[in-house]
Amino acid sequence: MGQPVYRLLGGPTRTAARLYTHVGIYDHSQLVEDVQRDIAAGFSAFKTGAWFNLKQLPEHEALAAFVERVALLRSTIGPGYDIMVDNHGRDRAASAIRLMHALQPQRLFWLEEPTPPDD
């Protein structure tokens, strides 16, 4: 028919799509700089998490560092922005539950893949 699919389905349903960006995901020391740059660029949602260097720590220390980094992100951006965290399936169920409880004050938009997908 020579028409784009959206037109065949009745026309466009929105004029814009919200995007998010990744901040400090490979280097947590860049978290604040990344998010400030991306706020200036117009982003209102930020994804981070699953820092590889935390796996070398005992669980309670890794949890505290993880929560500290997400809290730093929240304090930098304030309440008007969304935070998503990707855990890359790194935790057992019990550890993931502890992580979710510890992150609750940061009002996450989502916590992605808290446990391995086959767990």
N, C-alpha and C. Protein backbone atom coordinates (compact mmCIF):
# COMPACT_ATOMS: atom_id res chain seq x y z
N MET A 1 0.81 -1.19 0.00
CA MET A 1 0.00 0.00 0.00
C MET A 1 0.86 1.26 0.00
N GLY A 2 2.15 1.11 0.19
CA GLY A 2 3.01 2.28 0.13
C GLY A 2 2.85 3.24 1.29
N GLN A 3 2.33 2.77 2.41
CA GLN A 3 2.09 3.63 3.57
C GLN A 3 2.90 3.12 4.76
N PRO A 4 3.32 4.02 5.65
CA PRO A 4 3.97 3.55 6.88
C PRO A 4 2.96 2.81 7.75
N VAL A 5 3.45 1.87 8.54
CA VAL A 5 2.58 1.04 9.38
C VAL A 5 1.73 1.89 10.31
N TYR A 6 2.30 2.95 10.90
CA TYR A 6 1.52 3.75 11.84
C TYR A 6 0.29 4.35 11.17
N ARG A 7 0.39 4.69 9.92
CA ARG A 7 -0.77 5.26 9.22
C ARG A 7 -1.81 4.16 8.96
N LEU A 8 -1.36 2.96 8.63
CA LEU A 8 -2.28 1.84 8.40
C LEU A 8 -3.02 1.46 9.68
N LEU A 9 -2.40 1.75 10.83
CA LEU A 9 -3.02 1.42 12.11
C LEU A 9 -3.83 2.56 12.69
N GLY A 10 -4.07 3.61 11.92
CA GLY A 10 -4.95 4.68 12.37
C GLY A 10 -4.26 6.01 12.60
N GLY A 11 -2.98 6.11 12.35
CA GLY A 11 -2.28 7.38 12.51
C GLY A 11 -1.44 7.43 13.78
N PRO A 12 -0.68 8.48 13.93
CA PRO A 12 0.20 8.59 15.09
C PRO A 12 -0.61 8.72 16.39
N THR A 13 -0.06 8.18 17.46
CA THR A 13 -0.73 8.28 18.76
C THR A 13 -0.03 9.23 19.71
N ARG A 14 1.16 9.67 19.36
CA ARG A 14 1.87 10.63 20.22
C ARG A 14 2.81 11.47 19.35
N THR A 15 3.21 12.59 19.90
CA THR A 15 4.10 13.49 19.15
C THR A 15 5.54 13.36 19.60
N ALA A 16 5.77 12.66 20.72
CA ALA A 16 7.13 12.49 21.22
C ALA A 16 7.22 11.19 22.01
N ALA A 17 8.43 10.70 22.18
CA ALA A 17 8.68 9.52 23.00
C ALA A 17 9.74 9.87 24.03
N ARG A 18 9.45 9.54 25.27
CA ARG A 18 10.40 9.83 26.34
C ARG A 18 11.60 8.87 26.25
N LEU A 19 12.78 9.40 26.44
CA LEU A 19 14.00 8.61 26.40
C LEU A 19 14.70 8.67 27.74
N TYR A 20 15.52 7.66 28.01
CA TYR A 20 16.41 7.74 29.17
C TYR A 20 17.84 7.55 28.69
N THR A 21 18.78 7.87 29.56
CA THR A 21 20.18 7.74 29.23
C THR A 21 20.89 6.99 30.36
N HIS A 22 22.06 6.45 30.07
CA HIS A 22 22.86 5.75 31.07
C HIS A 22 23.83 6.73 31.72
N VAL A 23 23.97 6.65 33.04
CA VAL A 23 24.90 7.52 33.76
C VAL A 23 25.74 6.70 34.71
N GLY A 24 27.05 6.93 34.70
CA GLY A 24 27.95 6.31 35.64
C GLY A 24 27.93 4.80 35.67
N ILE A 25 27.48 4.18 34.59
CA ILE A 25 27.29 2.74 34.62
C ILE A 25 28.62 1.98 34.55
N TYR A 26 29.61 2.53 33.88
CA TYR A 26 30.91 1.86 33.81
C TYR A 26 31.91 2.46 34.78
N ASP A 27 31.73 3.70 35.11
CA ASP A 27 32.64 4.39 36.03
C ASP A 27 31.80 5.23 36.99
N HIS A 28 31.58 4.71 38.19
CA HIS A 28 30.70 5.41 39.13
C HIS A 28 31.20 6.79 39.50
N SER A 29 32.50 7.05 39.33
CA SER A 29 33.02 8.38 39.66
C SER A 29 32.53 9.44 38.67
N GLN A 30 31.98 9.01 37.55
CA GLN A 30 31.45 9.93 36.54
C GLN A 30 29.95 10.17 36.68
N LEU A 31 29.34 9.57 37.70
CA LEU A 31 27.89 9.61 37.86
C LEU A 31 27.34 11.03 37.89
N VAL A 32 27.87 11.88 38.75
CA VAL A 32 27.36 13.24 38.90
C VAL A 32 27.62 14.04 37.63
N GLU A 33 28.80 13.94 37.07
CA GLU A 33 29.13 14.67 35.84
C GLU A 33 28.22 14.22 34.69
N ASP A 34 28.02 12.91 34.56
CA ASP A 34 27.16 12.38 33.50
C ASP A 34 25.73 12.91 33.63
N VAL A 35 25.16 12.84 34.84
CA VAL A 35 23.77 13.22 35.01
C VAL A 35 23.58 14.73 34.83
N GLN A 36 24.51 15.53 35.27
CA GLN A 36 24.40 16.98 35.07
C GLN A 36 24.44 17.33 33.58
N ARG A 37 25.31 16.66 32.84
CA ARG A 37 25.38 16.86 31.39
C ARG A 37 24.06 16.47 30.72
N ASP A 38 23.50 15.33 31.16
CA ASP A 38 22.30 14.82 30.52
C ASP A 38 21.04 15.59 30.91
N ILE A 39 21.00 16.13 32.11
CA ILE A 39 19.89 17.02 32.47
C ILE A 39 19.93 18.26 31.58
N ALA A 40 21.12 18.80 31.37
CA ALA A 40 21.27 19.97 30.49
C ALA A 40 20.84 19.65 29.07
N ALA A 41 20.98 18.39 28.66
CA ALA A 41 20.57 17.97 27.32
C ALA A 41 19.07 17.67 27.24
N GLY A 42 18.36 17.72 28.38
CA GLY A 42 16.91 17.55 28.36
C GLY A 42 16.39 16.21 28.85
N PHE A 43 17.25 15.32 29.28
CA PHE A 43 16.78 14.02 29.78
C PHE A 43 16.12 14.17 31.14
N SER A 44 15.14 13.32 31.40
CA SER A 44 14.46 13.33 32.69
C SER A 44 14.43 11.96 33.36
N ALA A 45 15.14 11.00 32.76
CA ALA A 45 15.21 9.66 33.31
C ALA A 45 16.61 9.11 33.08
N PHE A 46 17.12 8.40 34.11
CA PHE A 46 18.52 7.98 34.09
C PHE A 46 18.64 6.54 34.57
N LYS A 47 19.43 5.76 33.83
CA LYS A 47 19.64 4.36 34.18
C LYS A 47 21.09 4.16 34.59
N THR A 48 21.29 3.39 35.63
CA THR A 48 22.64 3.13 36.13
C THR A 48 22.65 1.78 36.81
N GLY A 49 23.81 1.41 37.36
CA GLY A 49 23.86 0.24 38.23
C GLY A 49 24.77 -0.87 37.78
N ALA A 50 24.76 -1.93 38.60
CA ALA A 50 25.53 -3.15 38.39
C ALA A 50 27.01 -2.87 38.20
N TRP A 51 27.57 -2.15 39.14
CA TRP A 51 28.99 -1.82 39.05
C TRP A 51 29.82 -3.07 39.32
N PHE A 52 30.67 -3.40 38.36
CA PHE A 52 31.44 -4.65 38.39
C PHE A 52 32.39 -4.71 39.58
N ASN A 53 32.95 -3.61 40.01
CA ASN A 53 33.94 -3.62 41.09
C ASN A 53 33.33 -3.95 42.45
N LEU A 54 32.02 -3.95 42.57
CA LEU A 54 31.39 -4.26 43.85
C LEU A 54 31.37 -5.75 44.16
N LYS A 55 31.48 -6.59 43.16
CA LYS A 55 31.41 -8.03 43.38
C LYS A 55 32.61 -8.55 44.16
N GLN A 56 33.65 -7.78 44.25
CA GLN A 56 34.85 -8.19 44.98
C GLN A 56 34.69 -7.95 46.49
N LEU A 57 33.66 -7.25 46.89
CA LEU A 57 33.44 -6.90 48.29
C LEU A 57 32.51 -7.92 48.96
N PRO A 58 32.59 -8.03 50.30
CA PRO A 58 31.57 -8.82 51.00
C PRO A 58 30.19 -8.21 50.72
N GLU A 59 29.16 -9.05 50.78
CA GLU A 59 27.83 -8.60 50.38
C GLU A 59 27.37 -7.34 51.10
N HIS A 60 27.56 -7.25 52.40
CA HIS A 60 27.07 -6.08 53.13
C HIS A 60 27.79 -4.81 52.69
N GLU A 61 29.07 -4.90 52.35
CA GLU A 61 29.80 -3.73 51.87
C GLU A 61 29.38 -3.35 50.45
N ALA A 62 29.17 -4.36 49.61
CA ALA A 62 28.71 -4.10 48.23
C ALA A 62 27.34 -3.45 48.24
N LEU A 63 26.45 -3.94 49.09
CA LEU A 63 25.11 -3.37 49.21
C LEU A 63 25.19 -1.92 49.65
N ALA A 64 25.99 -1.64 50.66
CA ALA A 64 26.12 -0.26 51.16
C ALA A 64 26.67 0.66 50.07
N ALA A 65 27.67 0.21 49.32
CA ALA A 65 28.25 1.03 48.25
C ALA A 65 27.23 1.26 47.14
N PHE A 66 26.49 0.22 46.77
CA PHE A 66 25.47 0.32 45.72
C PHE A 66 24.43 1.36 46.11
N VAL A 67 23.92 1.24 47.33
CA VAL A 67 22.90 2.17 47.82
C VAL A 67 23.45 3.59 47.89
N GLU A 68 24.68 3.73 48.31
CA GLU A 68 25.31 5.06 48.39
C GLU A 68 25.38 5.72 47.02
N ARG A 69 25.71 4.95 46.00
CA ARG A 69 25.80 5.51 44.65
C ARG A 69 24.44 5.93 44.12
N VAL A 70 23.43 5.12 44.36
CA VAL A 70 22.08 5.49 43.91
C VAL A 70 21.56 6.69 44.71
N ALA A 71 21.88 6.76 45.99
CA ALA A 71 21.47 7.90 46.81
C ALA A 71 22.17 9.18 46.33
N LEU A 72 23.43 9.07 45.91
CA LEU A 72 24.13 10.22 45.35
C LEU A 72 23.43 10.69 44.08
N LEU A 73 23.02 9.76 43.24
CA LEU A 73 22.30 10.12 42.03
C LEU A 73 21.00 10.83 42.38
N ARG A 74 20.22 10.28 43.32
CA ARG A 74 18.95 10.90 43.71
C ARG A 74 19.19 12.29 44.29
N SER A 75 20.19 12.45 45.14
CA SER A 75 20.42 13.77 45.75
C SER A 75 20.89 14.78 44.70
N THR A 76 21.55 14.30 43.65
CA THR A 76 22.01 15.19 42.59
C THR A 76 20.85 15.66 41.72
N ILE A 77 19.93 14.77 41.40
CA ILE A 77 18.85 15.13 40.47
C ILE A 77 17.58 15.60 41.15
N GLY A 78 17.40 15.25 42.41
CA GLY A 78 16.19 15.65 43.12
C GLY A 78 15.02 14.73 42.79
N PRO A 79 13.83 15.07 43.29
CA PRO A 79 12.67 14.19 43.17
C PRO A 79 11.96 14.23 41.82
N GLY A 80 12.26 15.19 40.97
CA GLY A 80 11.52 15.36 39.73
C GLY A 80 12.00 14.53 38.56
N TYR A 81 12.92 13.64 38.78
CA TYR A 81 13.48 12.81 37.71
C TYR A 81 13.35 11.34 38.10
N ASP A 82 13.40 10.46 37.09
CA ASP A 82 13.28 9.03 37.35
C ASP A 82 14.65 8.35 37.29
N ILE A 83 14.81 7.35 38.16
CA ILE A 83 16.02 6.54 38.21
C ILE A 83 15.65 5.09 37.93
N MET A 84 16.39 4.48 37.03
CA MET A 84 16.27 3.05 36.79
C MET A 84 17.62 2.43 37.12
N VAL A 85 17.58 1.24 37.69
CA VAL A 85 18.81 0.52 38.04
C VAL A 85 18.78 -0.84 37.36
N ASP A 86 19.87 -1.17 36.67
CA ASP A 86 20.02 -2.48 36.06
C ASP A 86 21.00 -3.28 36.91
N ASN A 87 20.54 -4.36 37.48
CA ASN A 87 21.39 -5.20 38.33
C ASN A 87 22.05 -6.33 37.54
N HIS A 88 21.73 -6.46 36.27
CA HIS A 88 22.32 -7.48 35.38
C HIS A 88 22.26 -8.88 35.97
N GLY A 89 21.22 -9.18 36.73
CA GLY A 89 21.04 -10.53 37.26
C GLY A 89 22.14 -10.99 38.19
N ARG A 90 22.74 -10.08 38.93
CA ARG A 90 23.91 -10.41 39.72
C ARG A 90 23.63 -11.01 41.10
N ASP A 91 22.40 -10.98 41.58
CA ASP A 91 22.14 -11.39 42.96
C ASP A 91 21.29 -12.64 43.07
N ARG A 92 21.51 -13.36 44.17
CA ARG A 92 20.59 -14.42 44.56
C ARG A 92 19.30 -13.74 45.00
N ALA A 93 18.24 -14.48 45.10
CA ALA A 93 16.95 -13.90 45.47
C ALA A 93 17.02 -13.16 46.81
N ALA A 94 17.63 -13.75 47.82
CA ALA A 94 17.70 -13.11 49.14
C ALA A 94 18.48 -11.79 49.08
N SER A 95 19.58 -11.78 48.34
CA SER A 95 20.38 -10.55 48.20
C SER A 95 19.60 -9.49 47.43
N ALA A 96 18.89 -9.91 46.40
CA ALA A 96 18.10 -8.97 45.60
C ALA A 96 17.01 -8.33 46.44
N ILE A 97 16.40 -9.11 47.32
CA ILE A 97 15.36 -8.57 48.20
C ILE A 97 15.96 -7.52 49.14
N ARG A 98 17.14 -7.82 49.69
CA ARG A 98 17.81 -6.84 50.56
C ARG A 98 18.14 -5.57 49.78
N LEU A 99 18.59 -5.72 48.53
CA LEU A 99 18.89 -4.57 47.68
C LEU A 99 17.63 -3.74 47.44
N MET A 100 16.53 -4.39 47.12
CA MET A 100 15.28 -3.66 46.86
C MET A 100 14.82 -2.88 48.08
N HIS A 101 14.89 -3.51 49.23
CA HIS A 101 14.50 -2.80 50.46
C HIS A 101 15.41 -1.61 50.72
N ALA A 102 16.71 -1.80 50.53
CA ALA A 102 17.67 -0.72 50.79
C ALA A 102 17.50 0.44 49.82
N LEU A 103 17.08 0.15 48.60
CA LEU A 103 16.91 1.20 47.58
C LEU A 103 15.54 1.87 47.63
N GLN A 104 14.62 1.36 48.40
CA GLN A 104 13.26 1.89 48.43
C GLN A 104 13.20 3.40 48.67
N PRO A 105 14.00 3.99 49.57
CA PRO A 105 13.92 5.44 49.77
C PRO A 105 14.30 6.27 48.54
N GLN A 106 14.97 5.65 47.57
CA GLN A 106 15.40 6.39 46.38
C GLN A 106 14.33 6.45 45.29
N ARG A 107 13.17 5.84 45.54
CA ARG A 107 12.03 5.89 44.62
C ARG A 107 12.41 5.51 43.18
N LEU A 108 12.89 4.30 42.99
CA LEU A 108 13.27 3.86 41.65
C LEU A 108 12.05 3.74 40.74
N PHE A 109 12.25 4.05 39.48
CA PHE A 109 11.23 3.82 38.47
C PHE A 109 11.15 2.33 38.18
N TRP A 110 12.33 1.68 38.13
CA TRP A 110 12.39 0.23 38.06
C TRP A 110 13.75 -0.27 38.49
N LEU A 111 13.77 -1.54 38.90
CA LEU A 111 15.00 -2.28 39.17
C LEU A 111 14.99 -3.45 38.18
N GLU A 112 15.87 -3.37 37.22
CA GLU A 112 15.89 -4.34 36.13
C GLU A 112 16.76 -5.53 36.49
N GLU A 113 16.25 -6.69 36.20
CA GLU A 113 16.95 -7.96 36.34
C GLU A 113 17.67 -8.10 37.70
N PRO A 114 16.91 -8.13 38.78
CA PRO A 114 17.53 -8.24 40.11
C PRO A 114 18.22 -9.59 40.33
N THR A 115 17.73 -10.65 39.68
CA THR A 115 18.33 -11.99 39.79
C THR A 115 18.60 -12.53 38.39
N PRO A 116 19.39 -13.60 38.28
CA PRO A 116 19.58 -14.21 36.96
C PRO A 116 18.23 -14.60 36.35
N PRO A 117 18.08 -14.46 35.05
CA PRO A 117 16.78 -14.73 34.42
C PRO A 117 16.29 -16.16 34.61
N ASP A 118 17.20 -17.11 34.84
CA ASP A 118 16.77 -18.49 35.01
C ASP A 118 16.62 -18.88 36.47
N ASP A 119 16.70 -17.90 37.39
CA ASP A 119 16.56 -18.19 38.82
C ASP A 119 15.07 -18.18 39.19
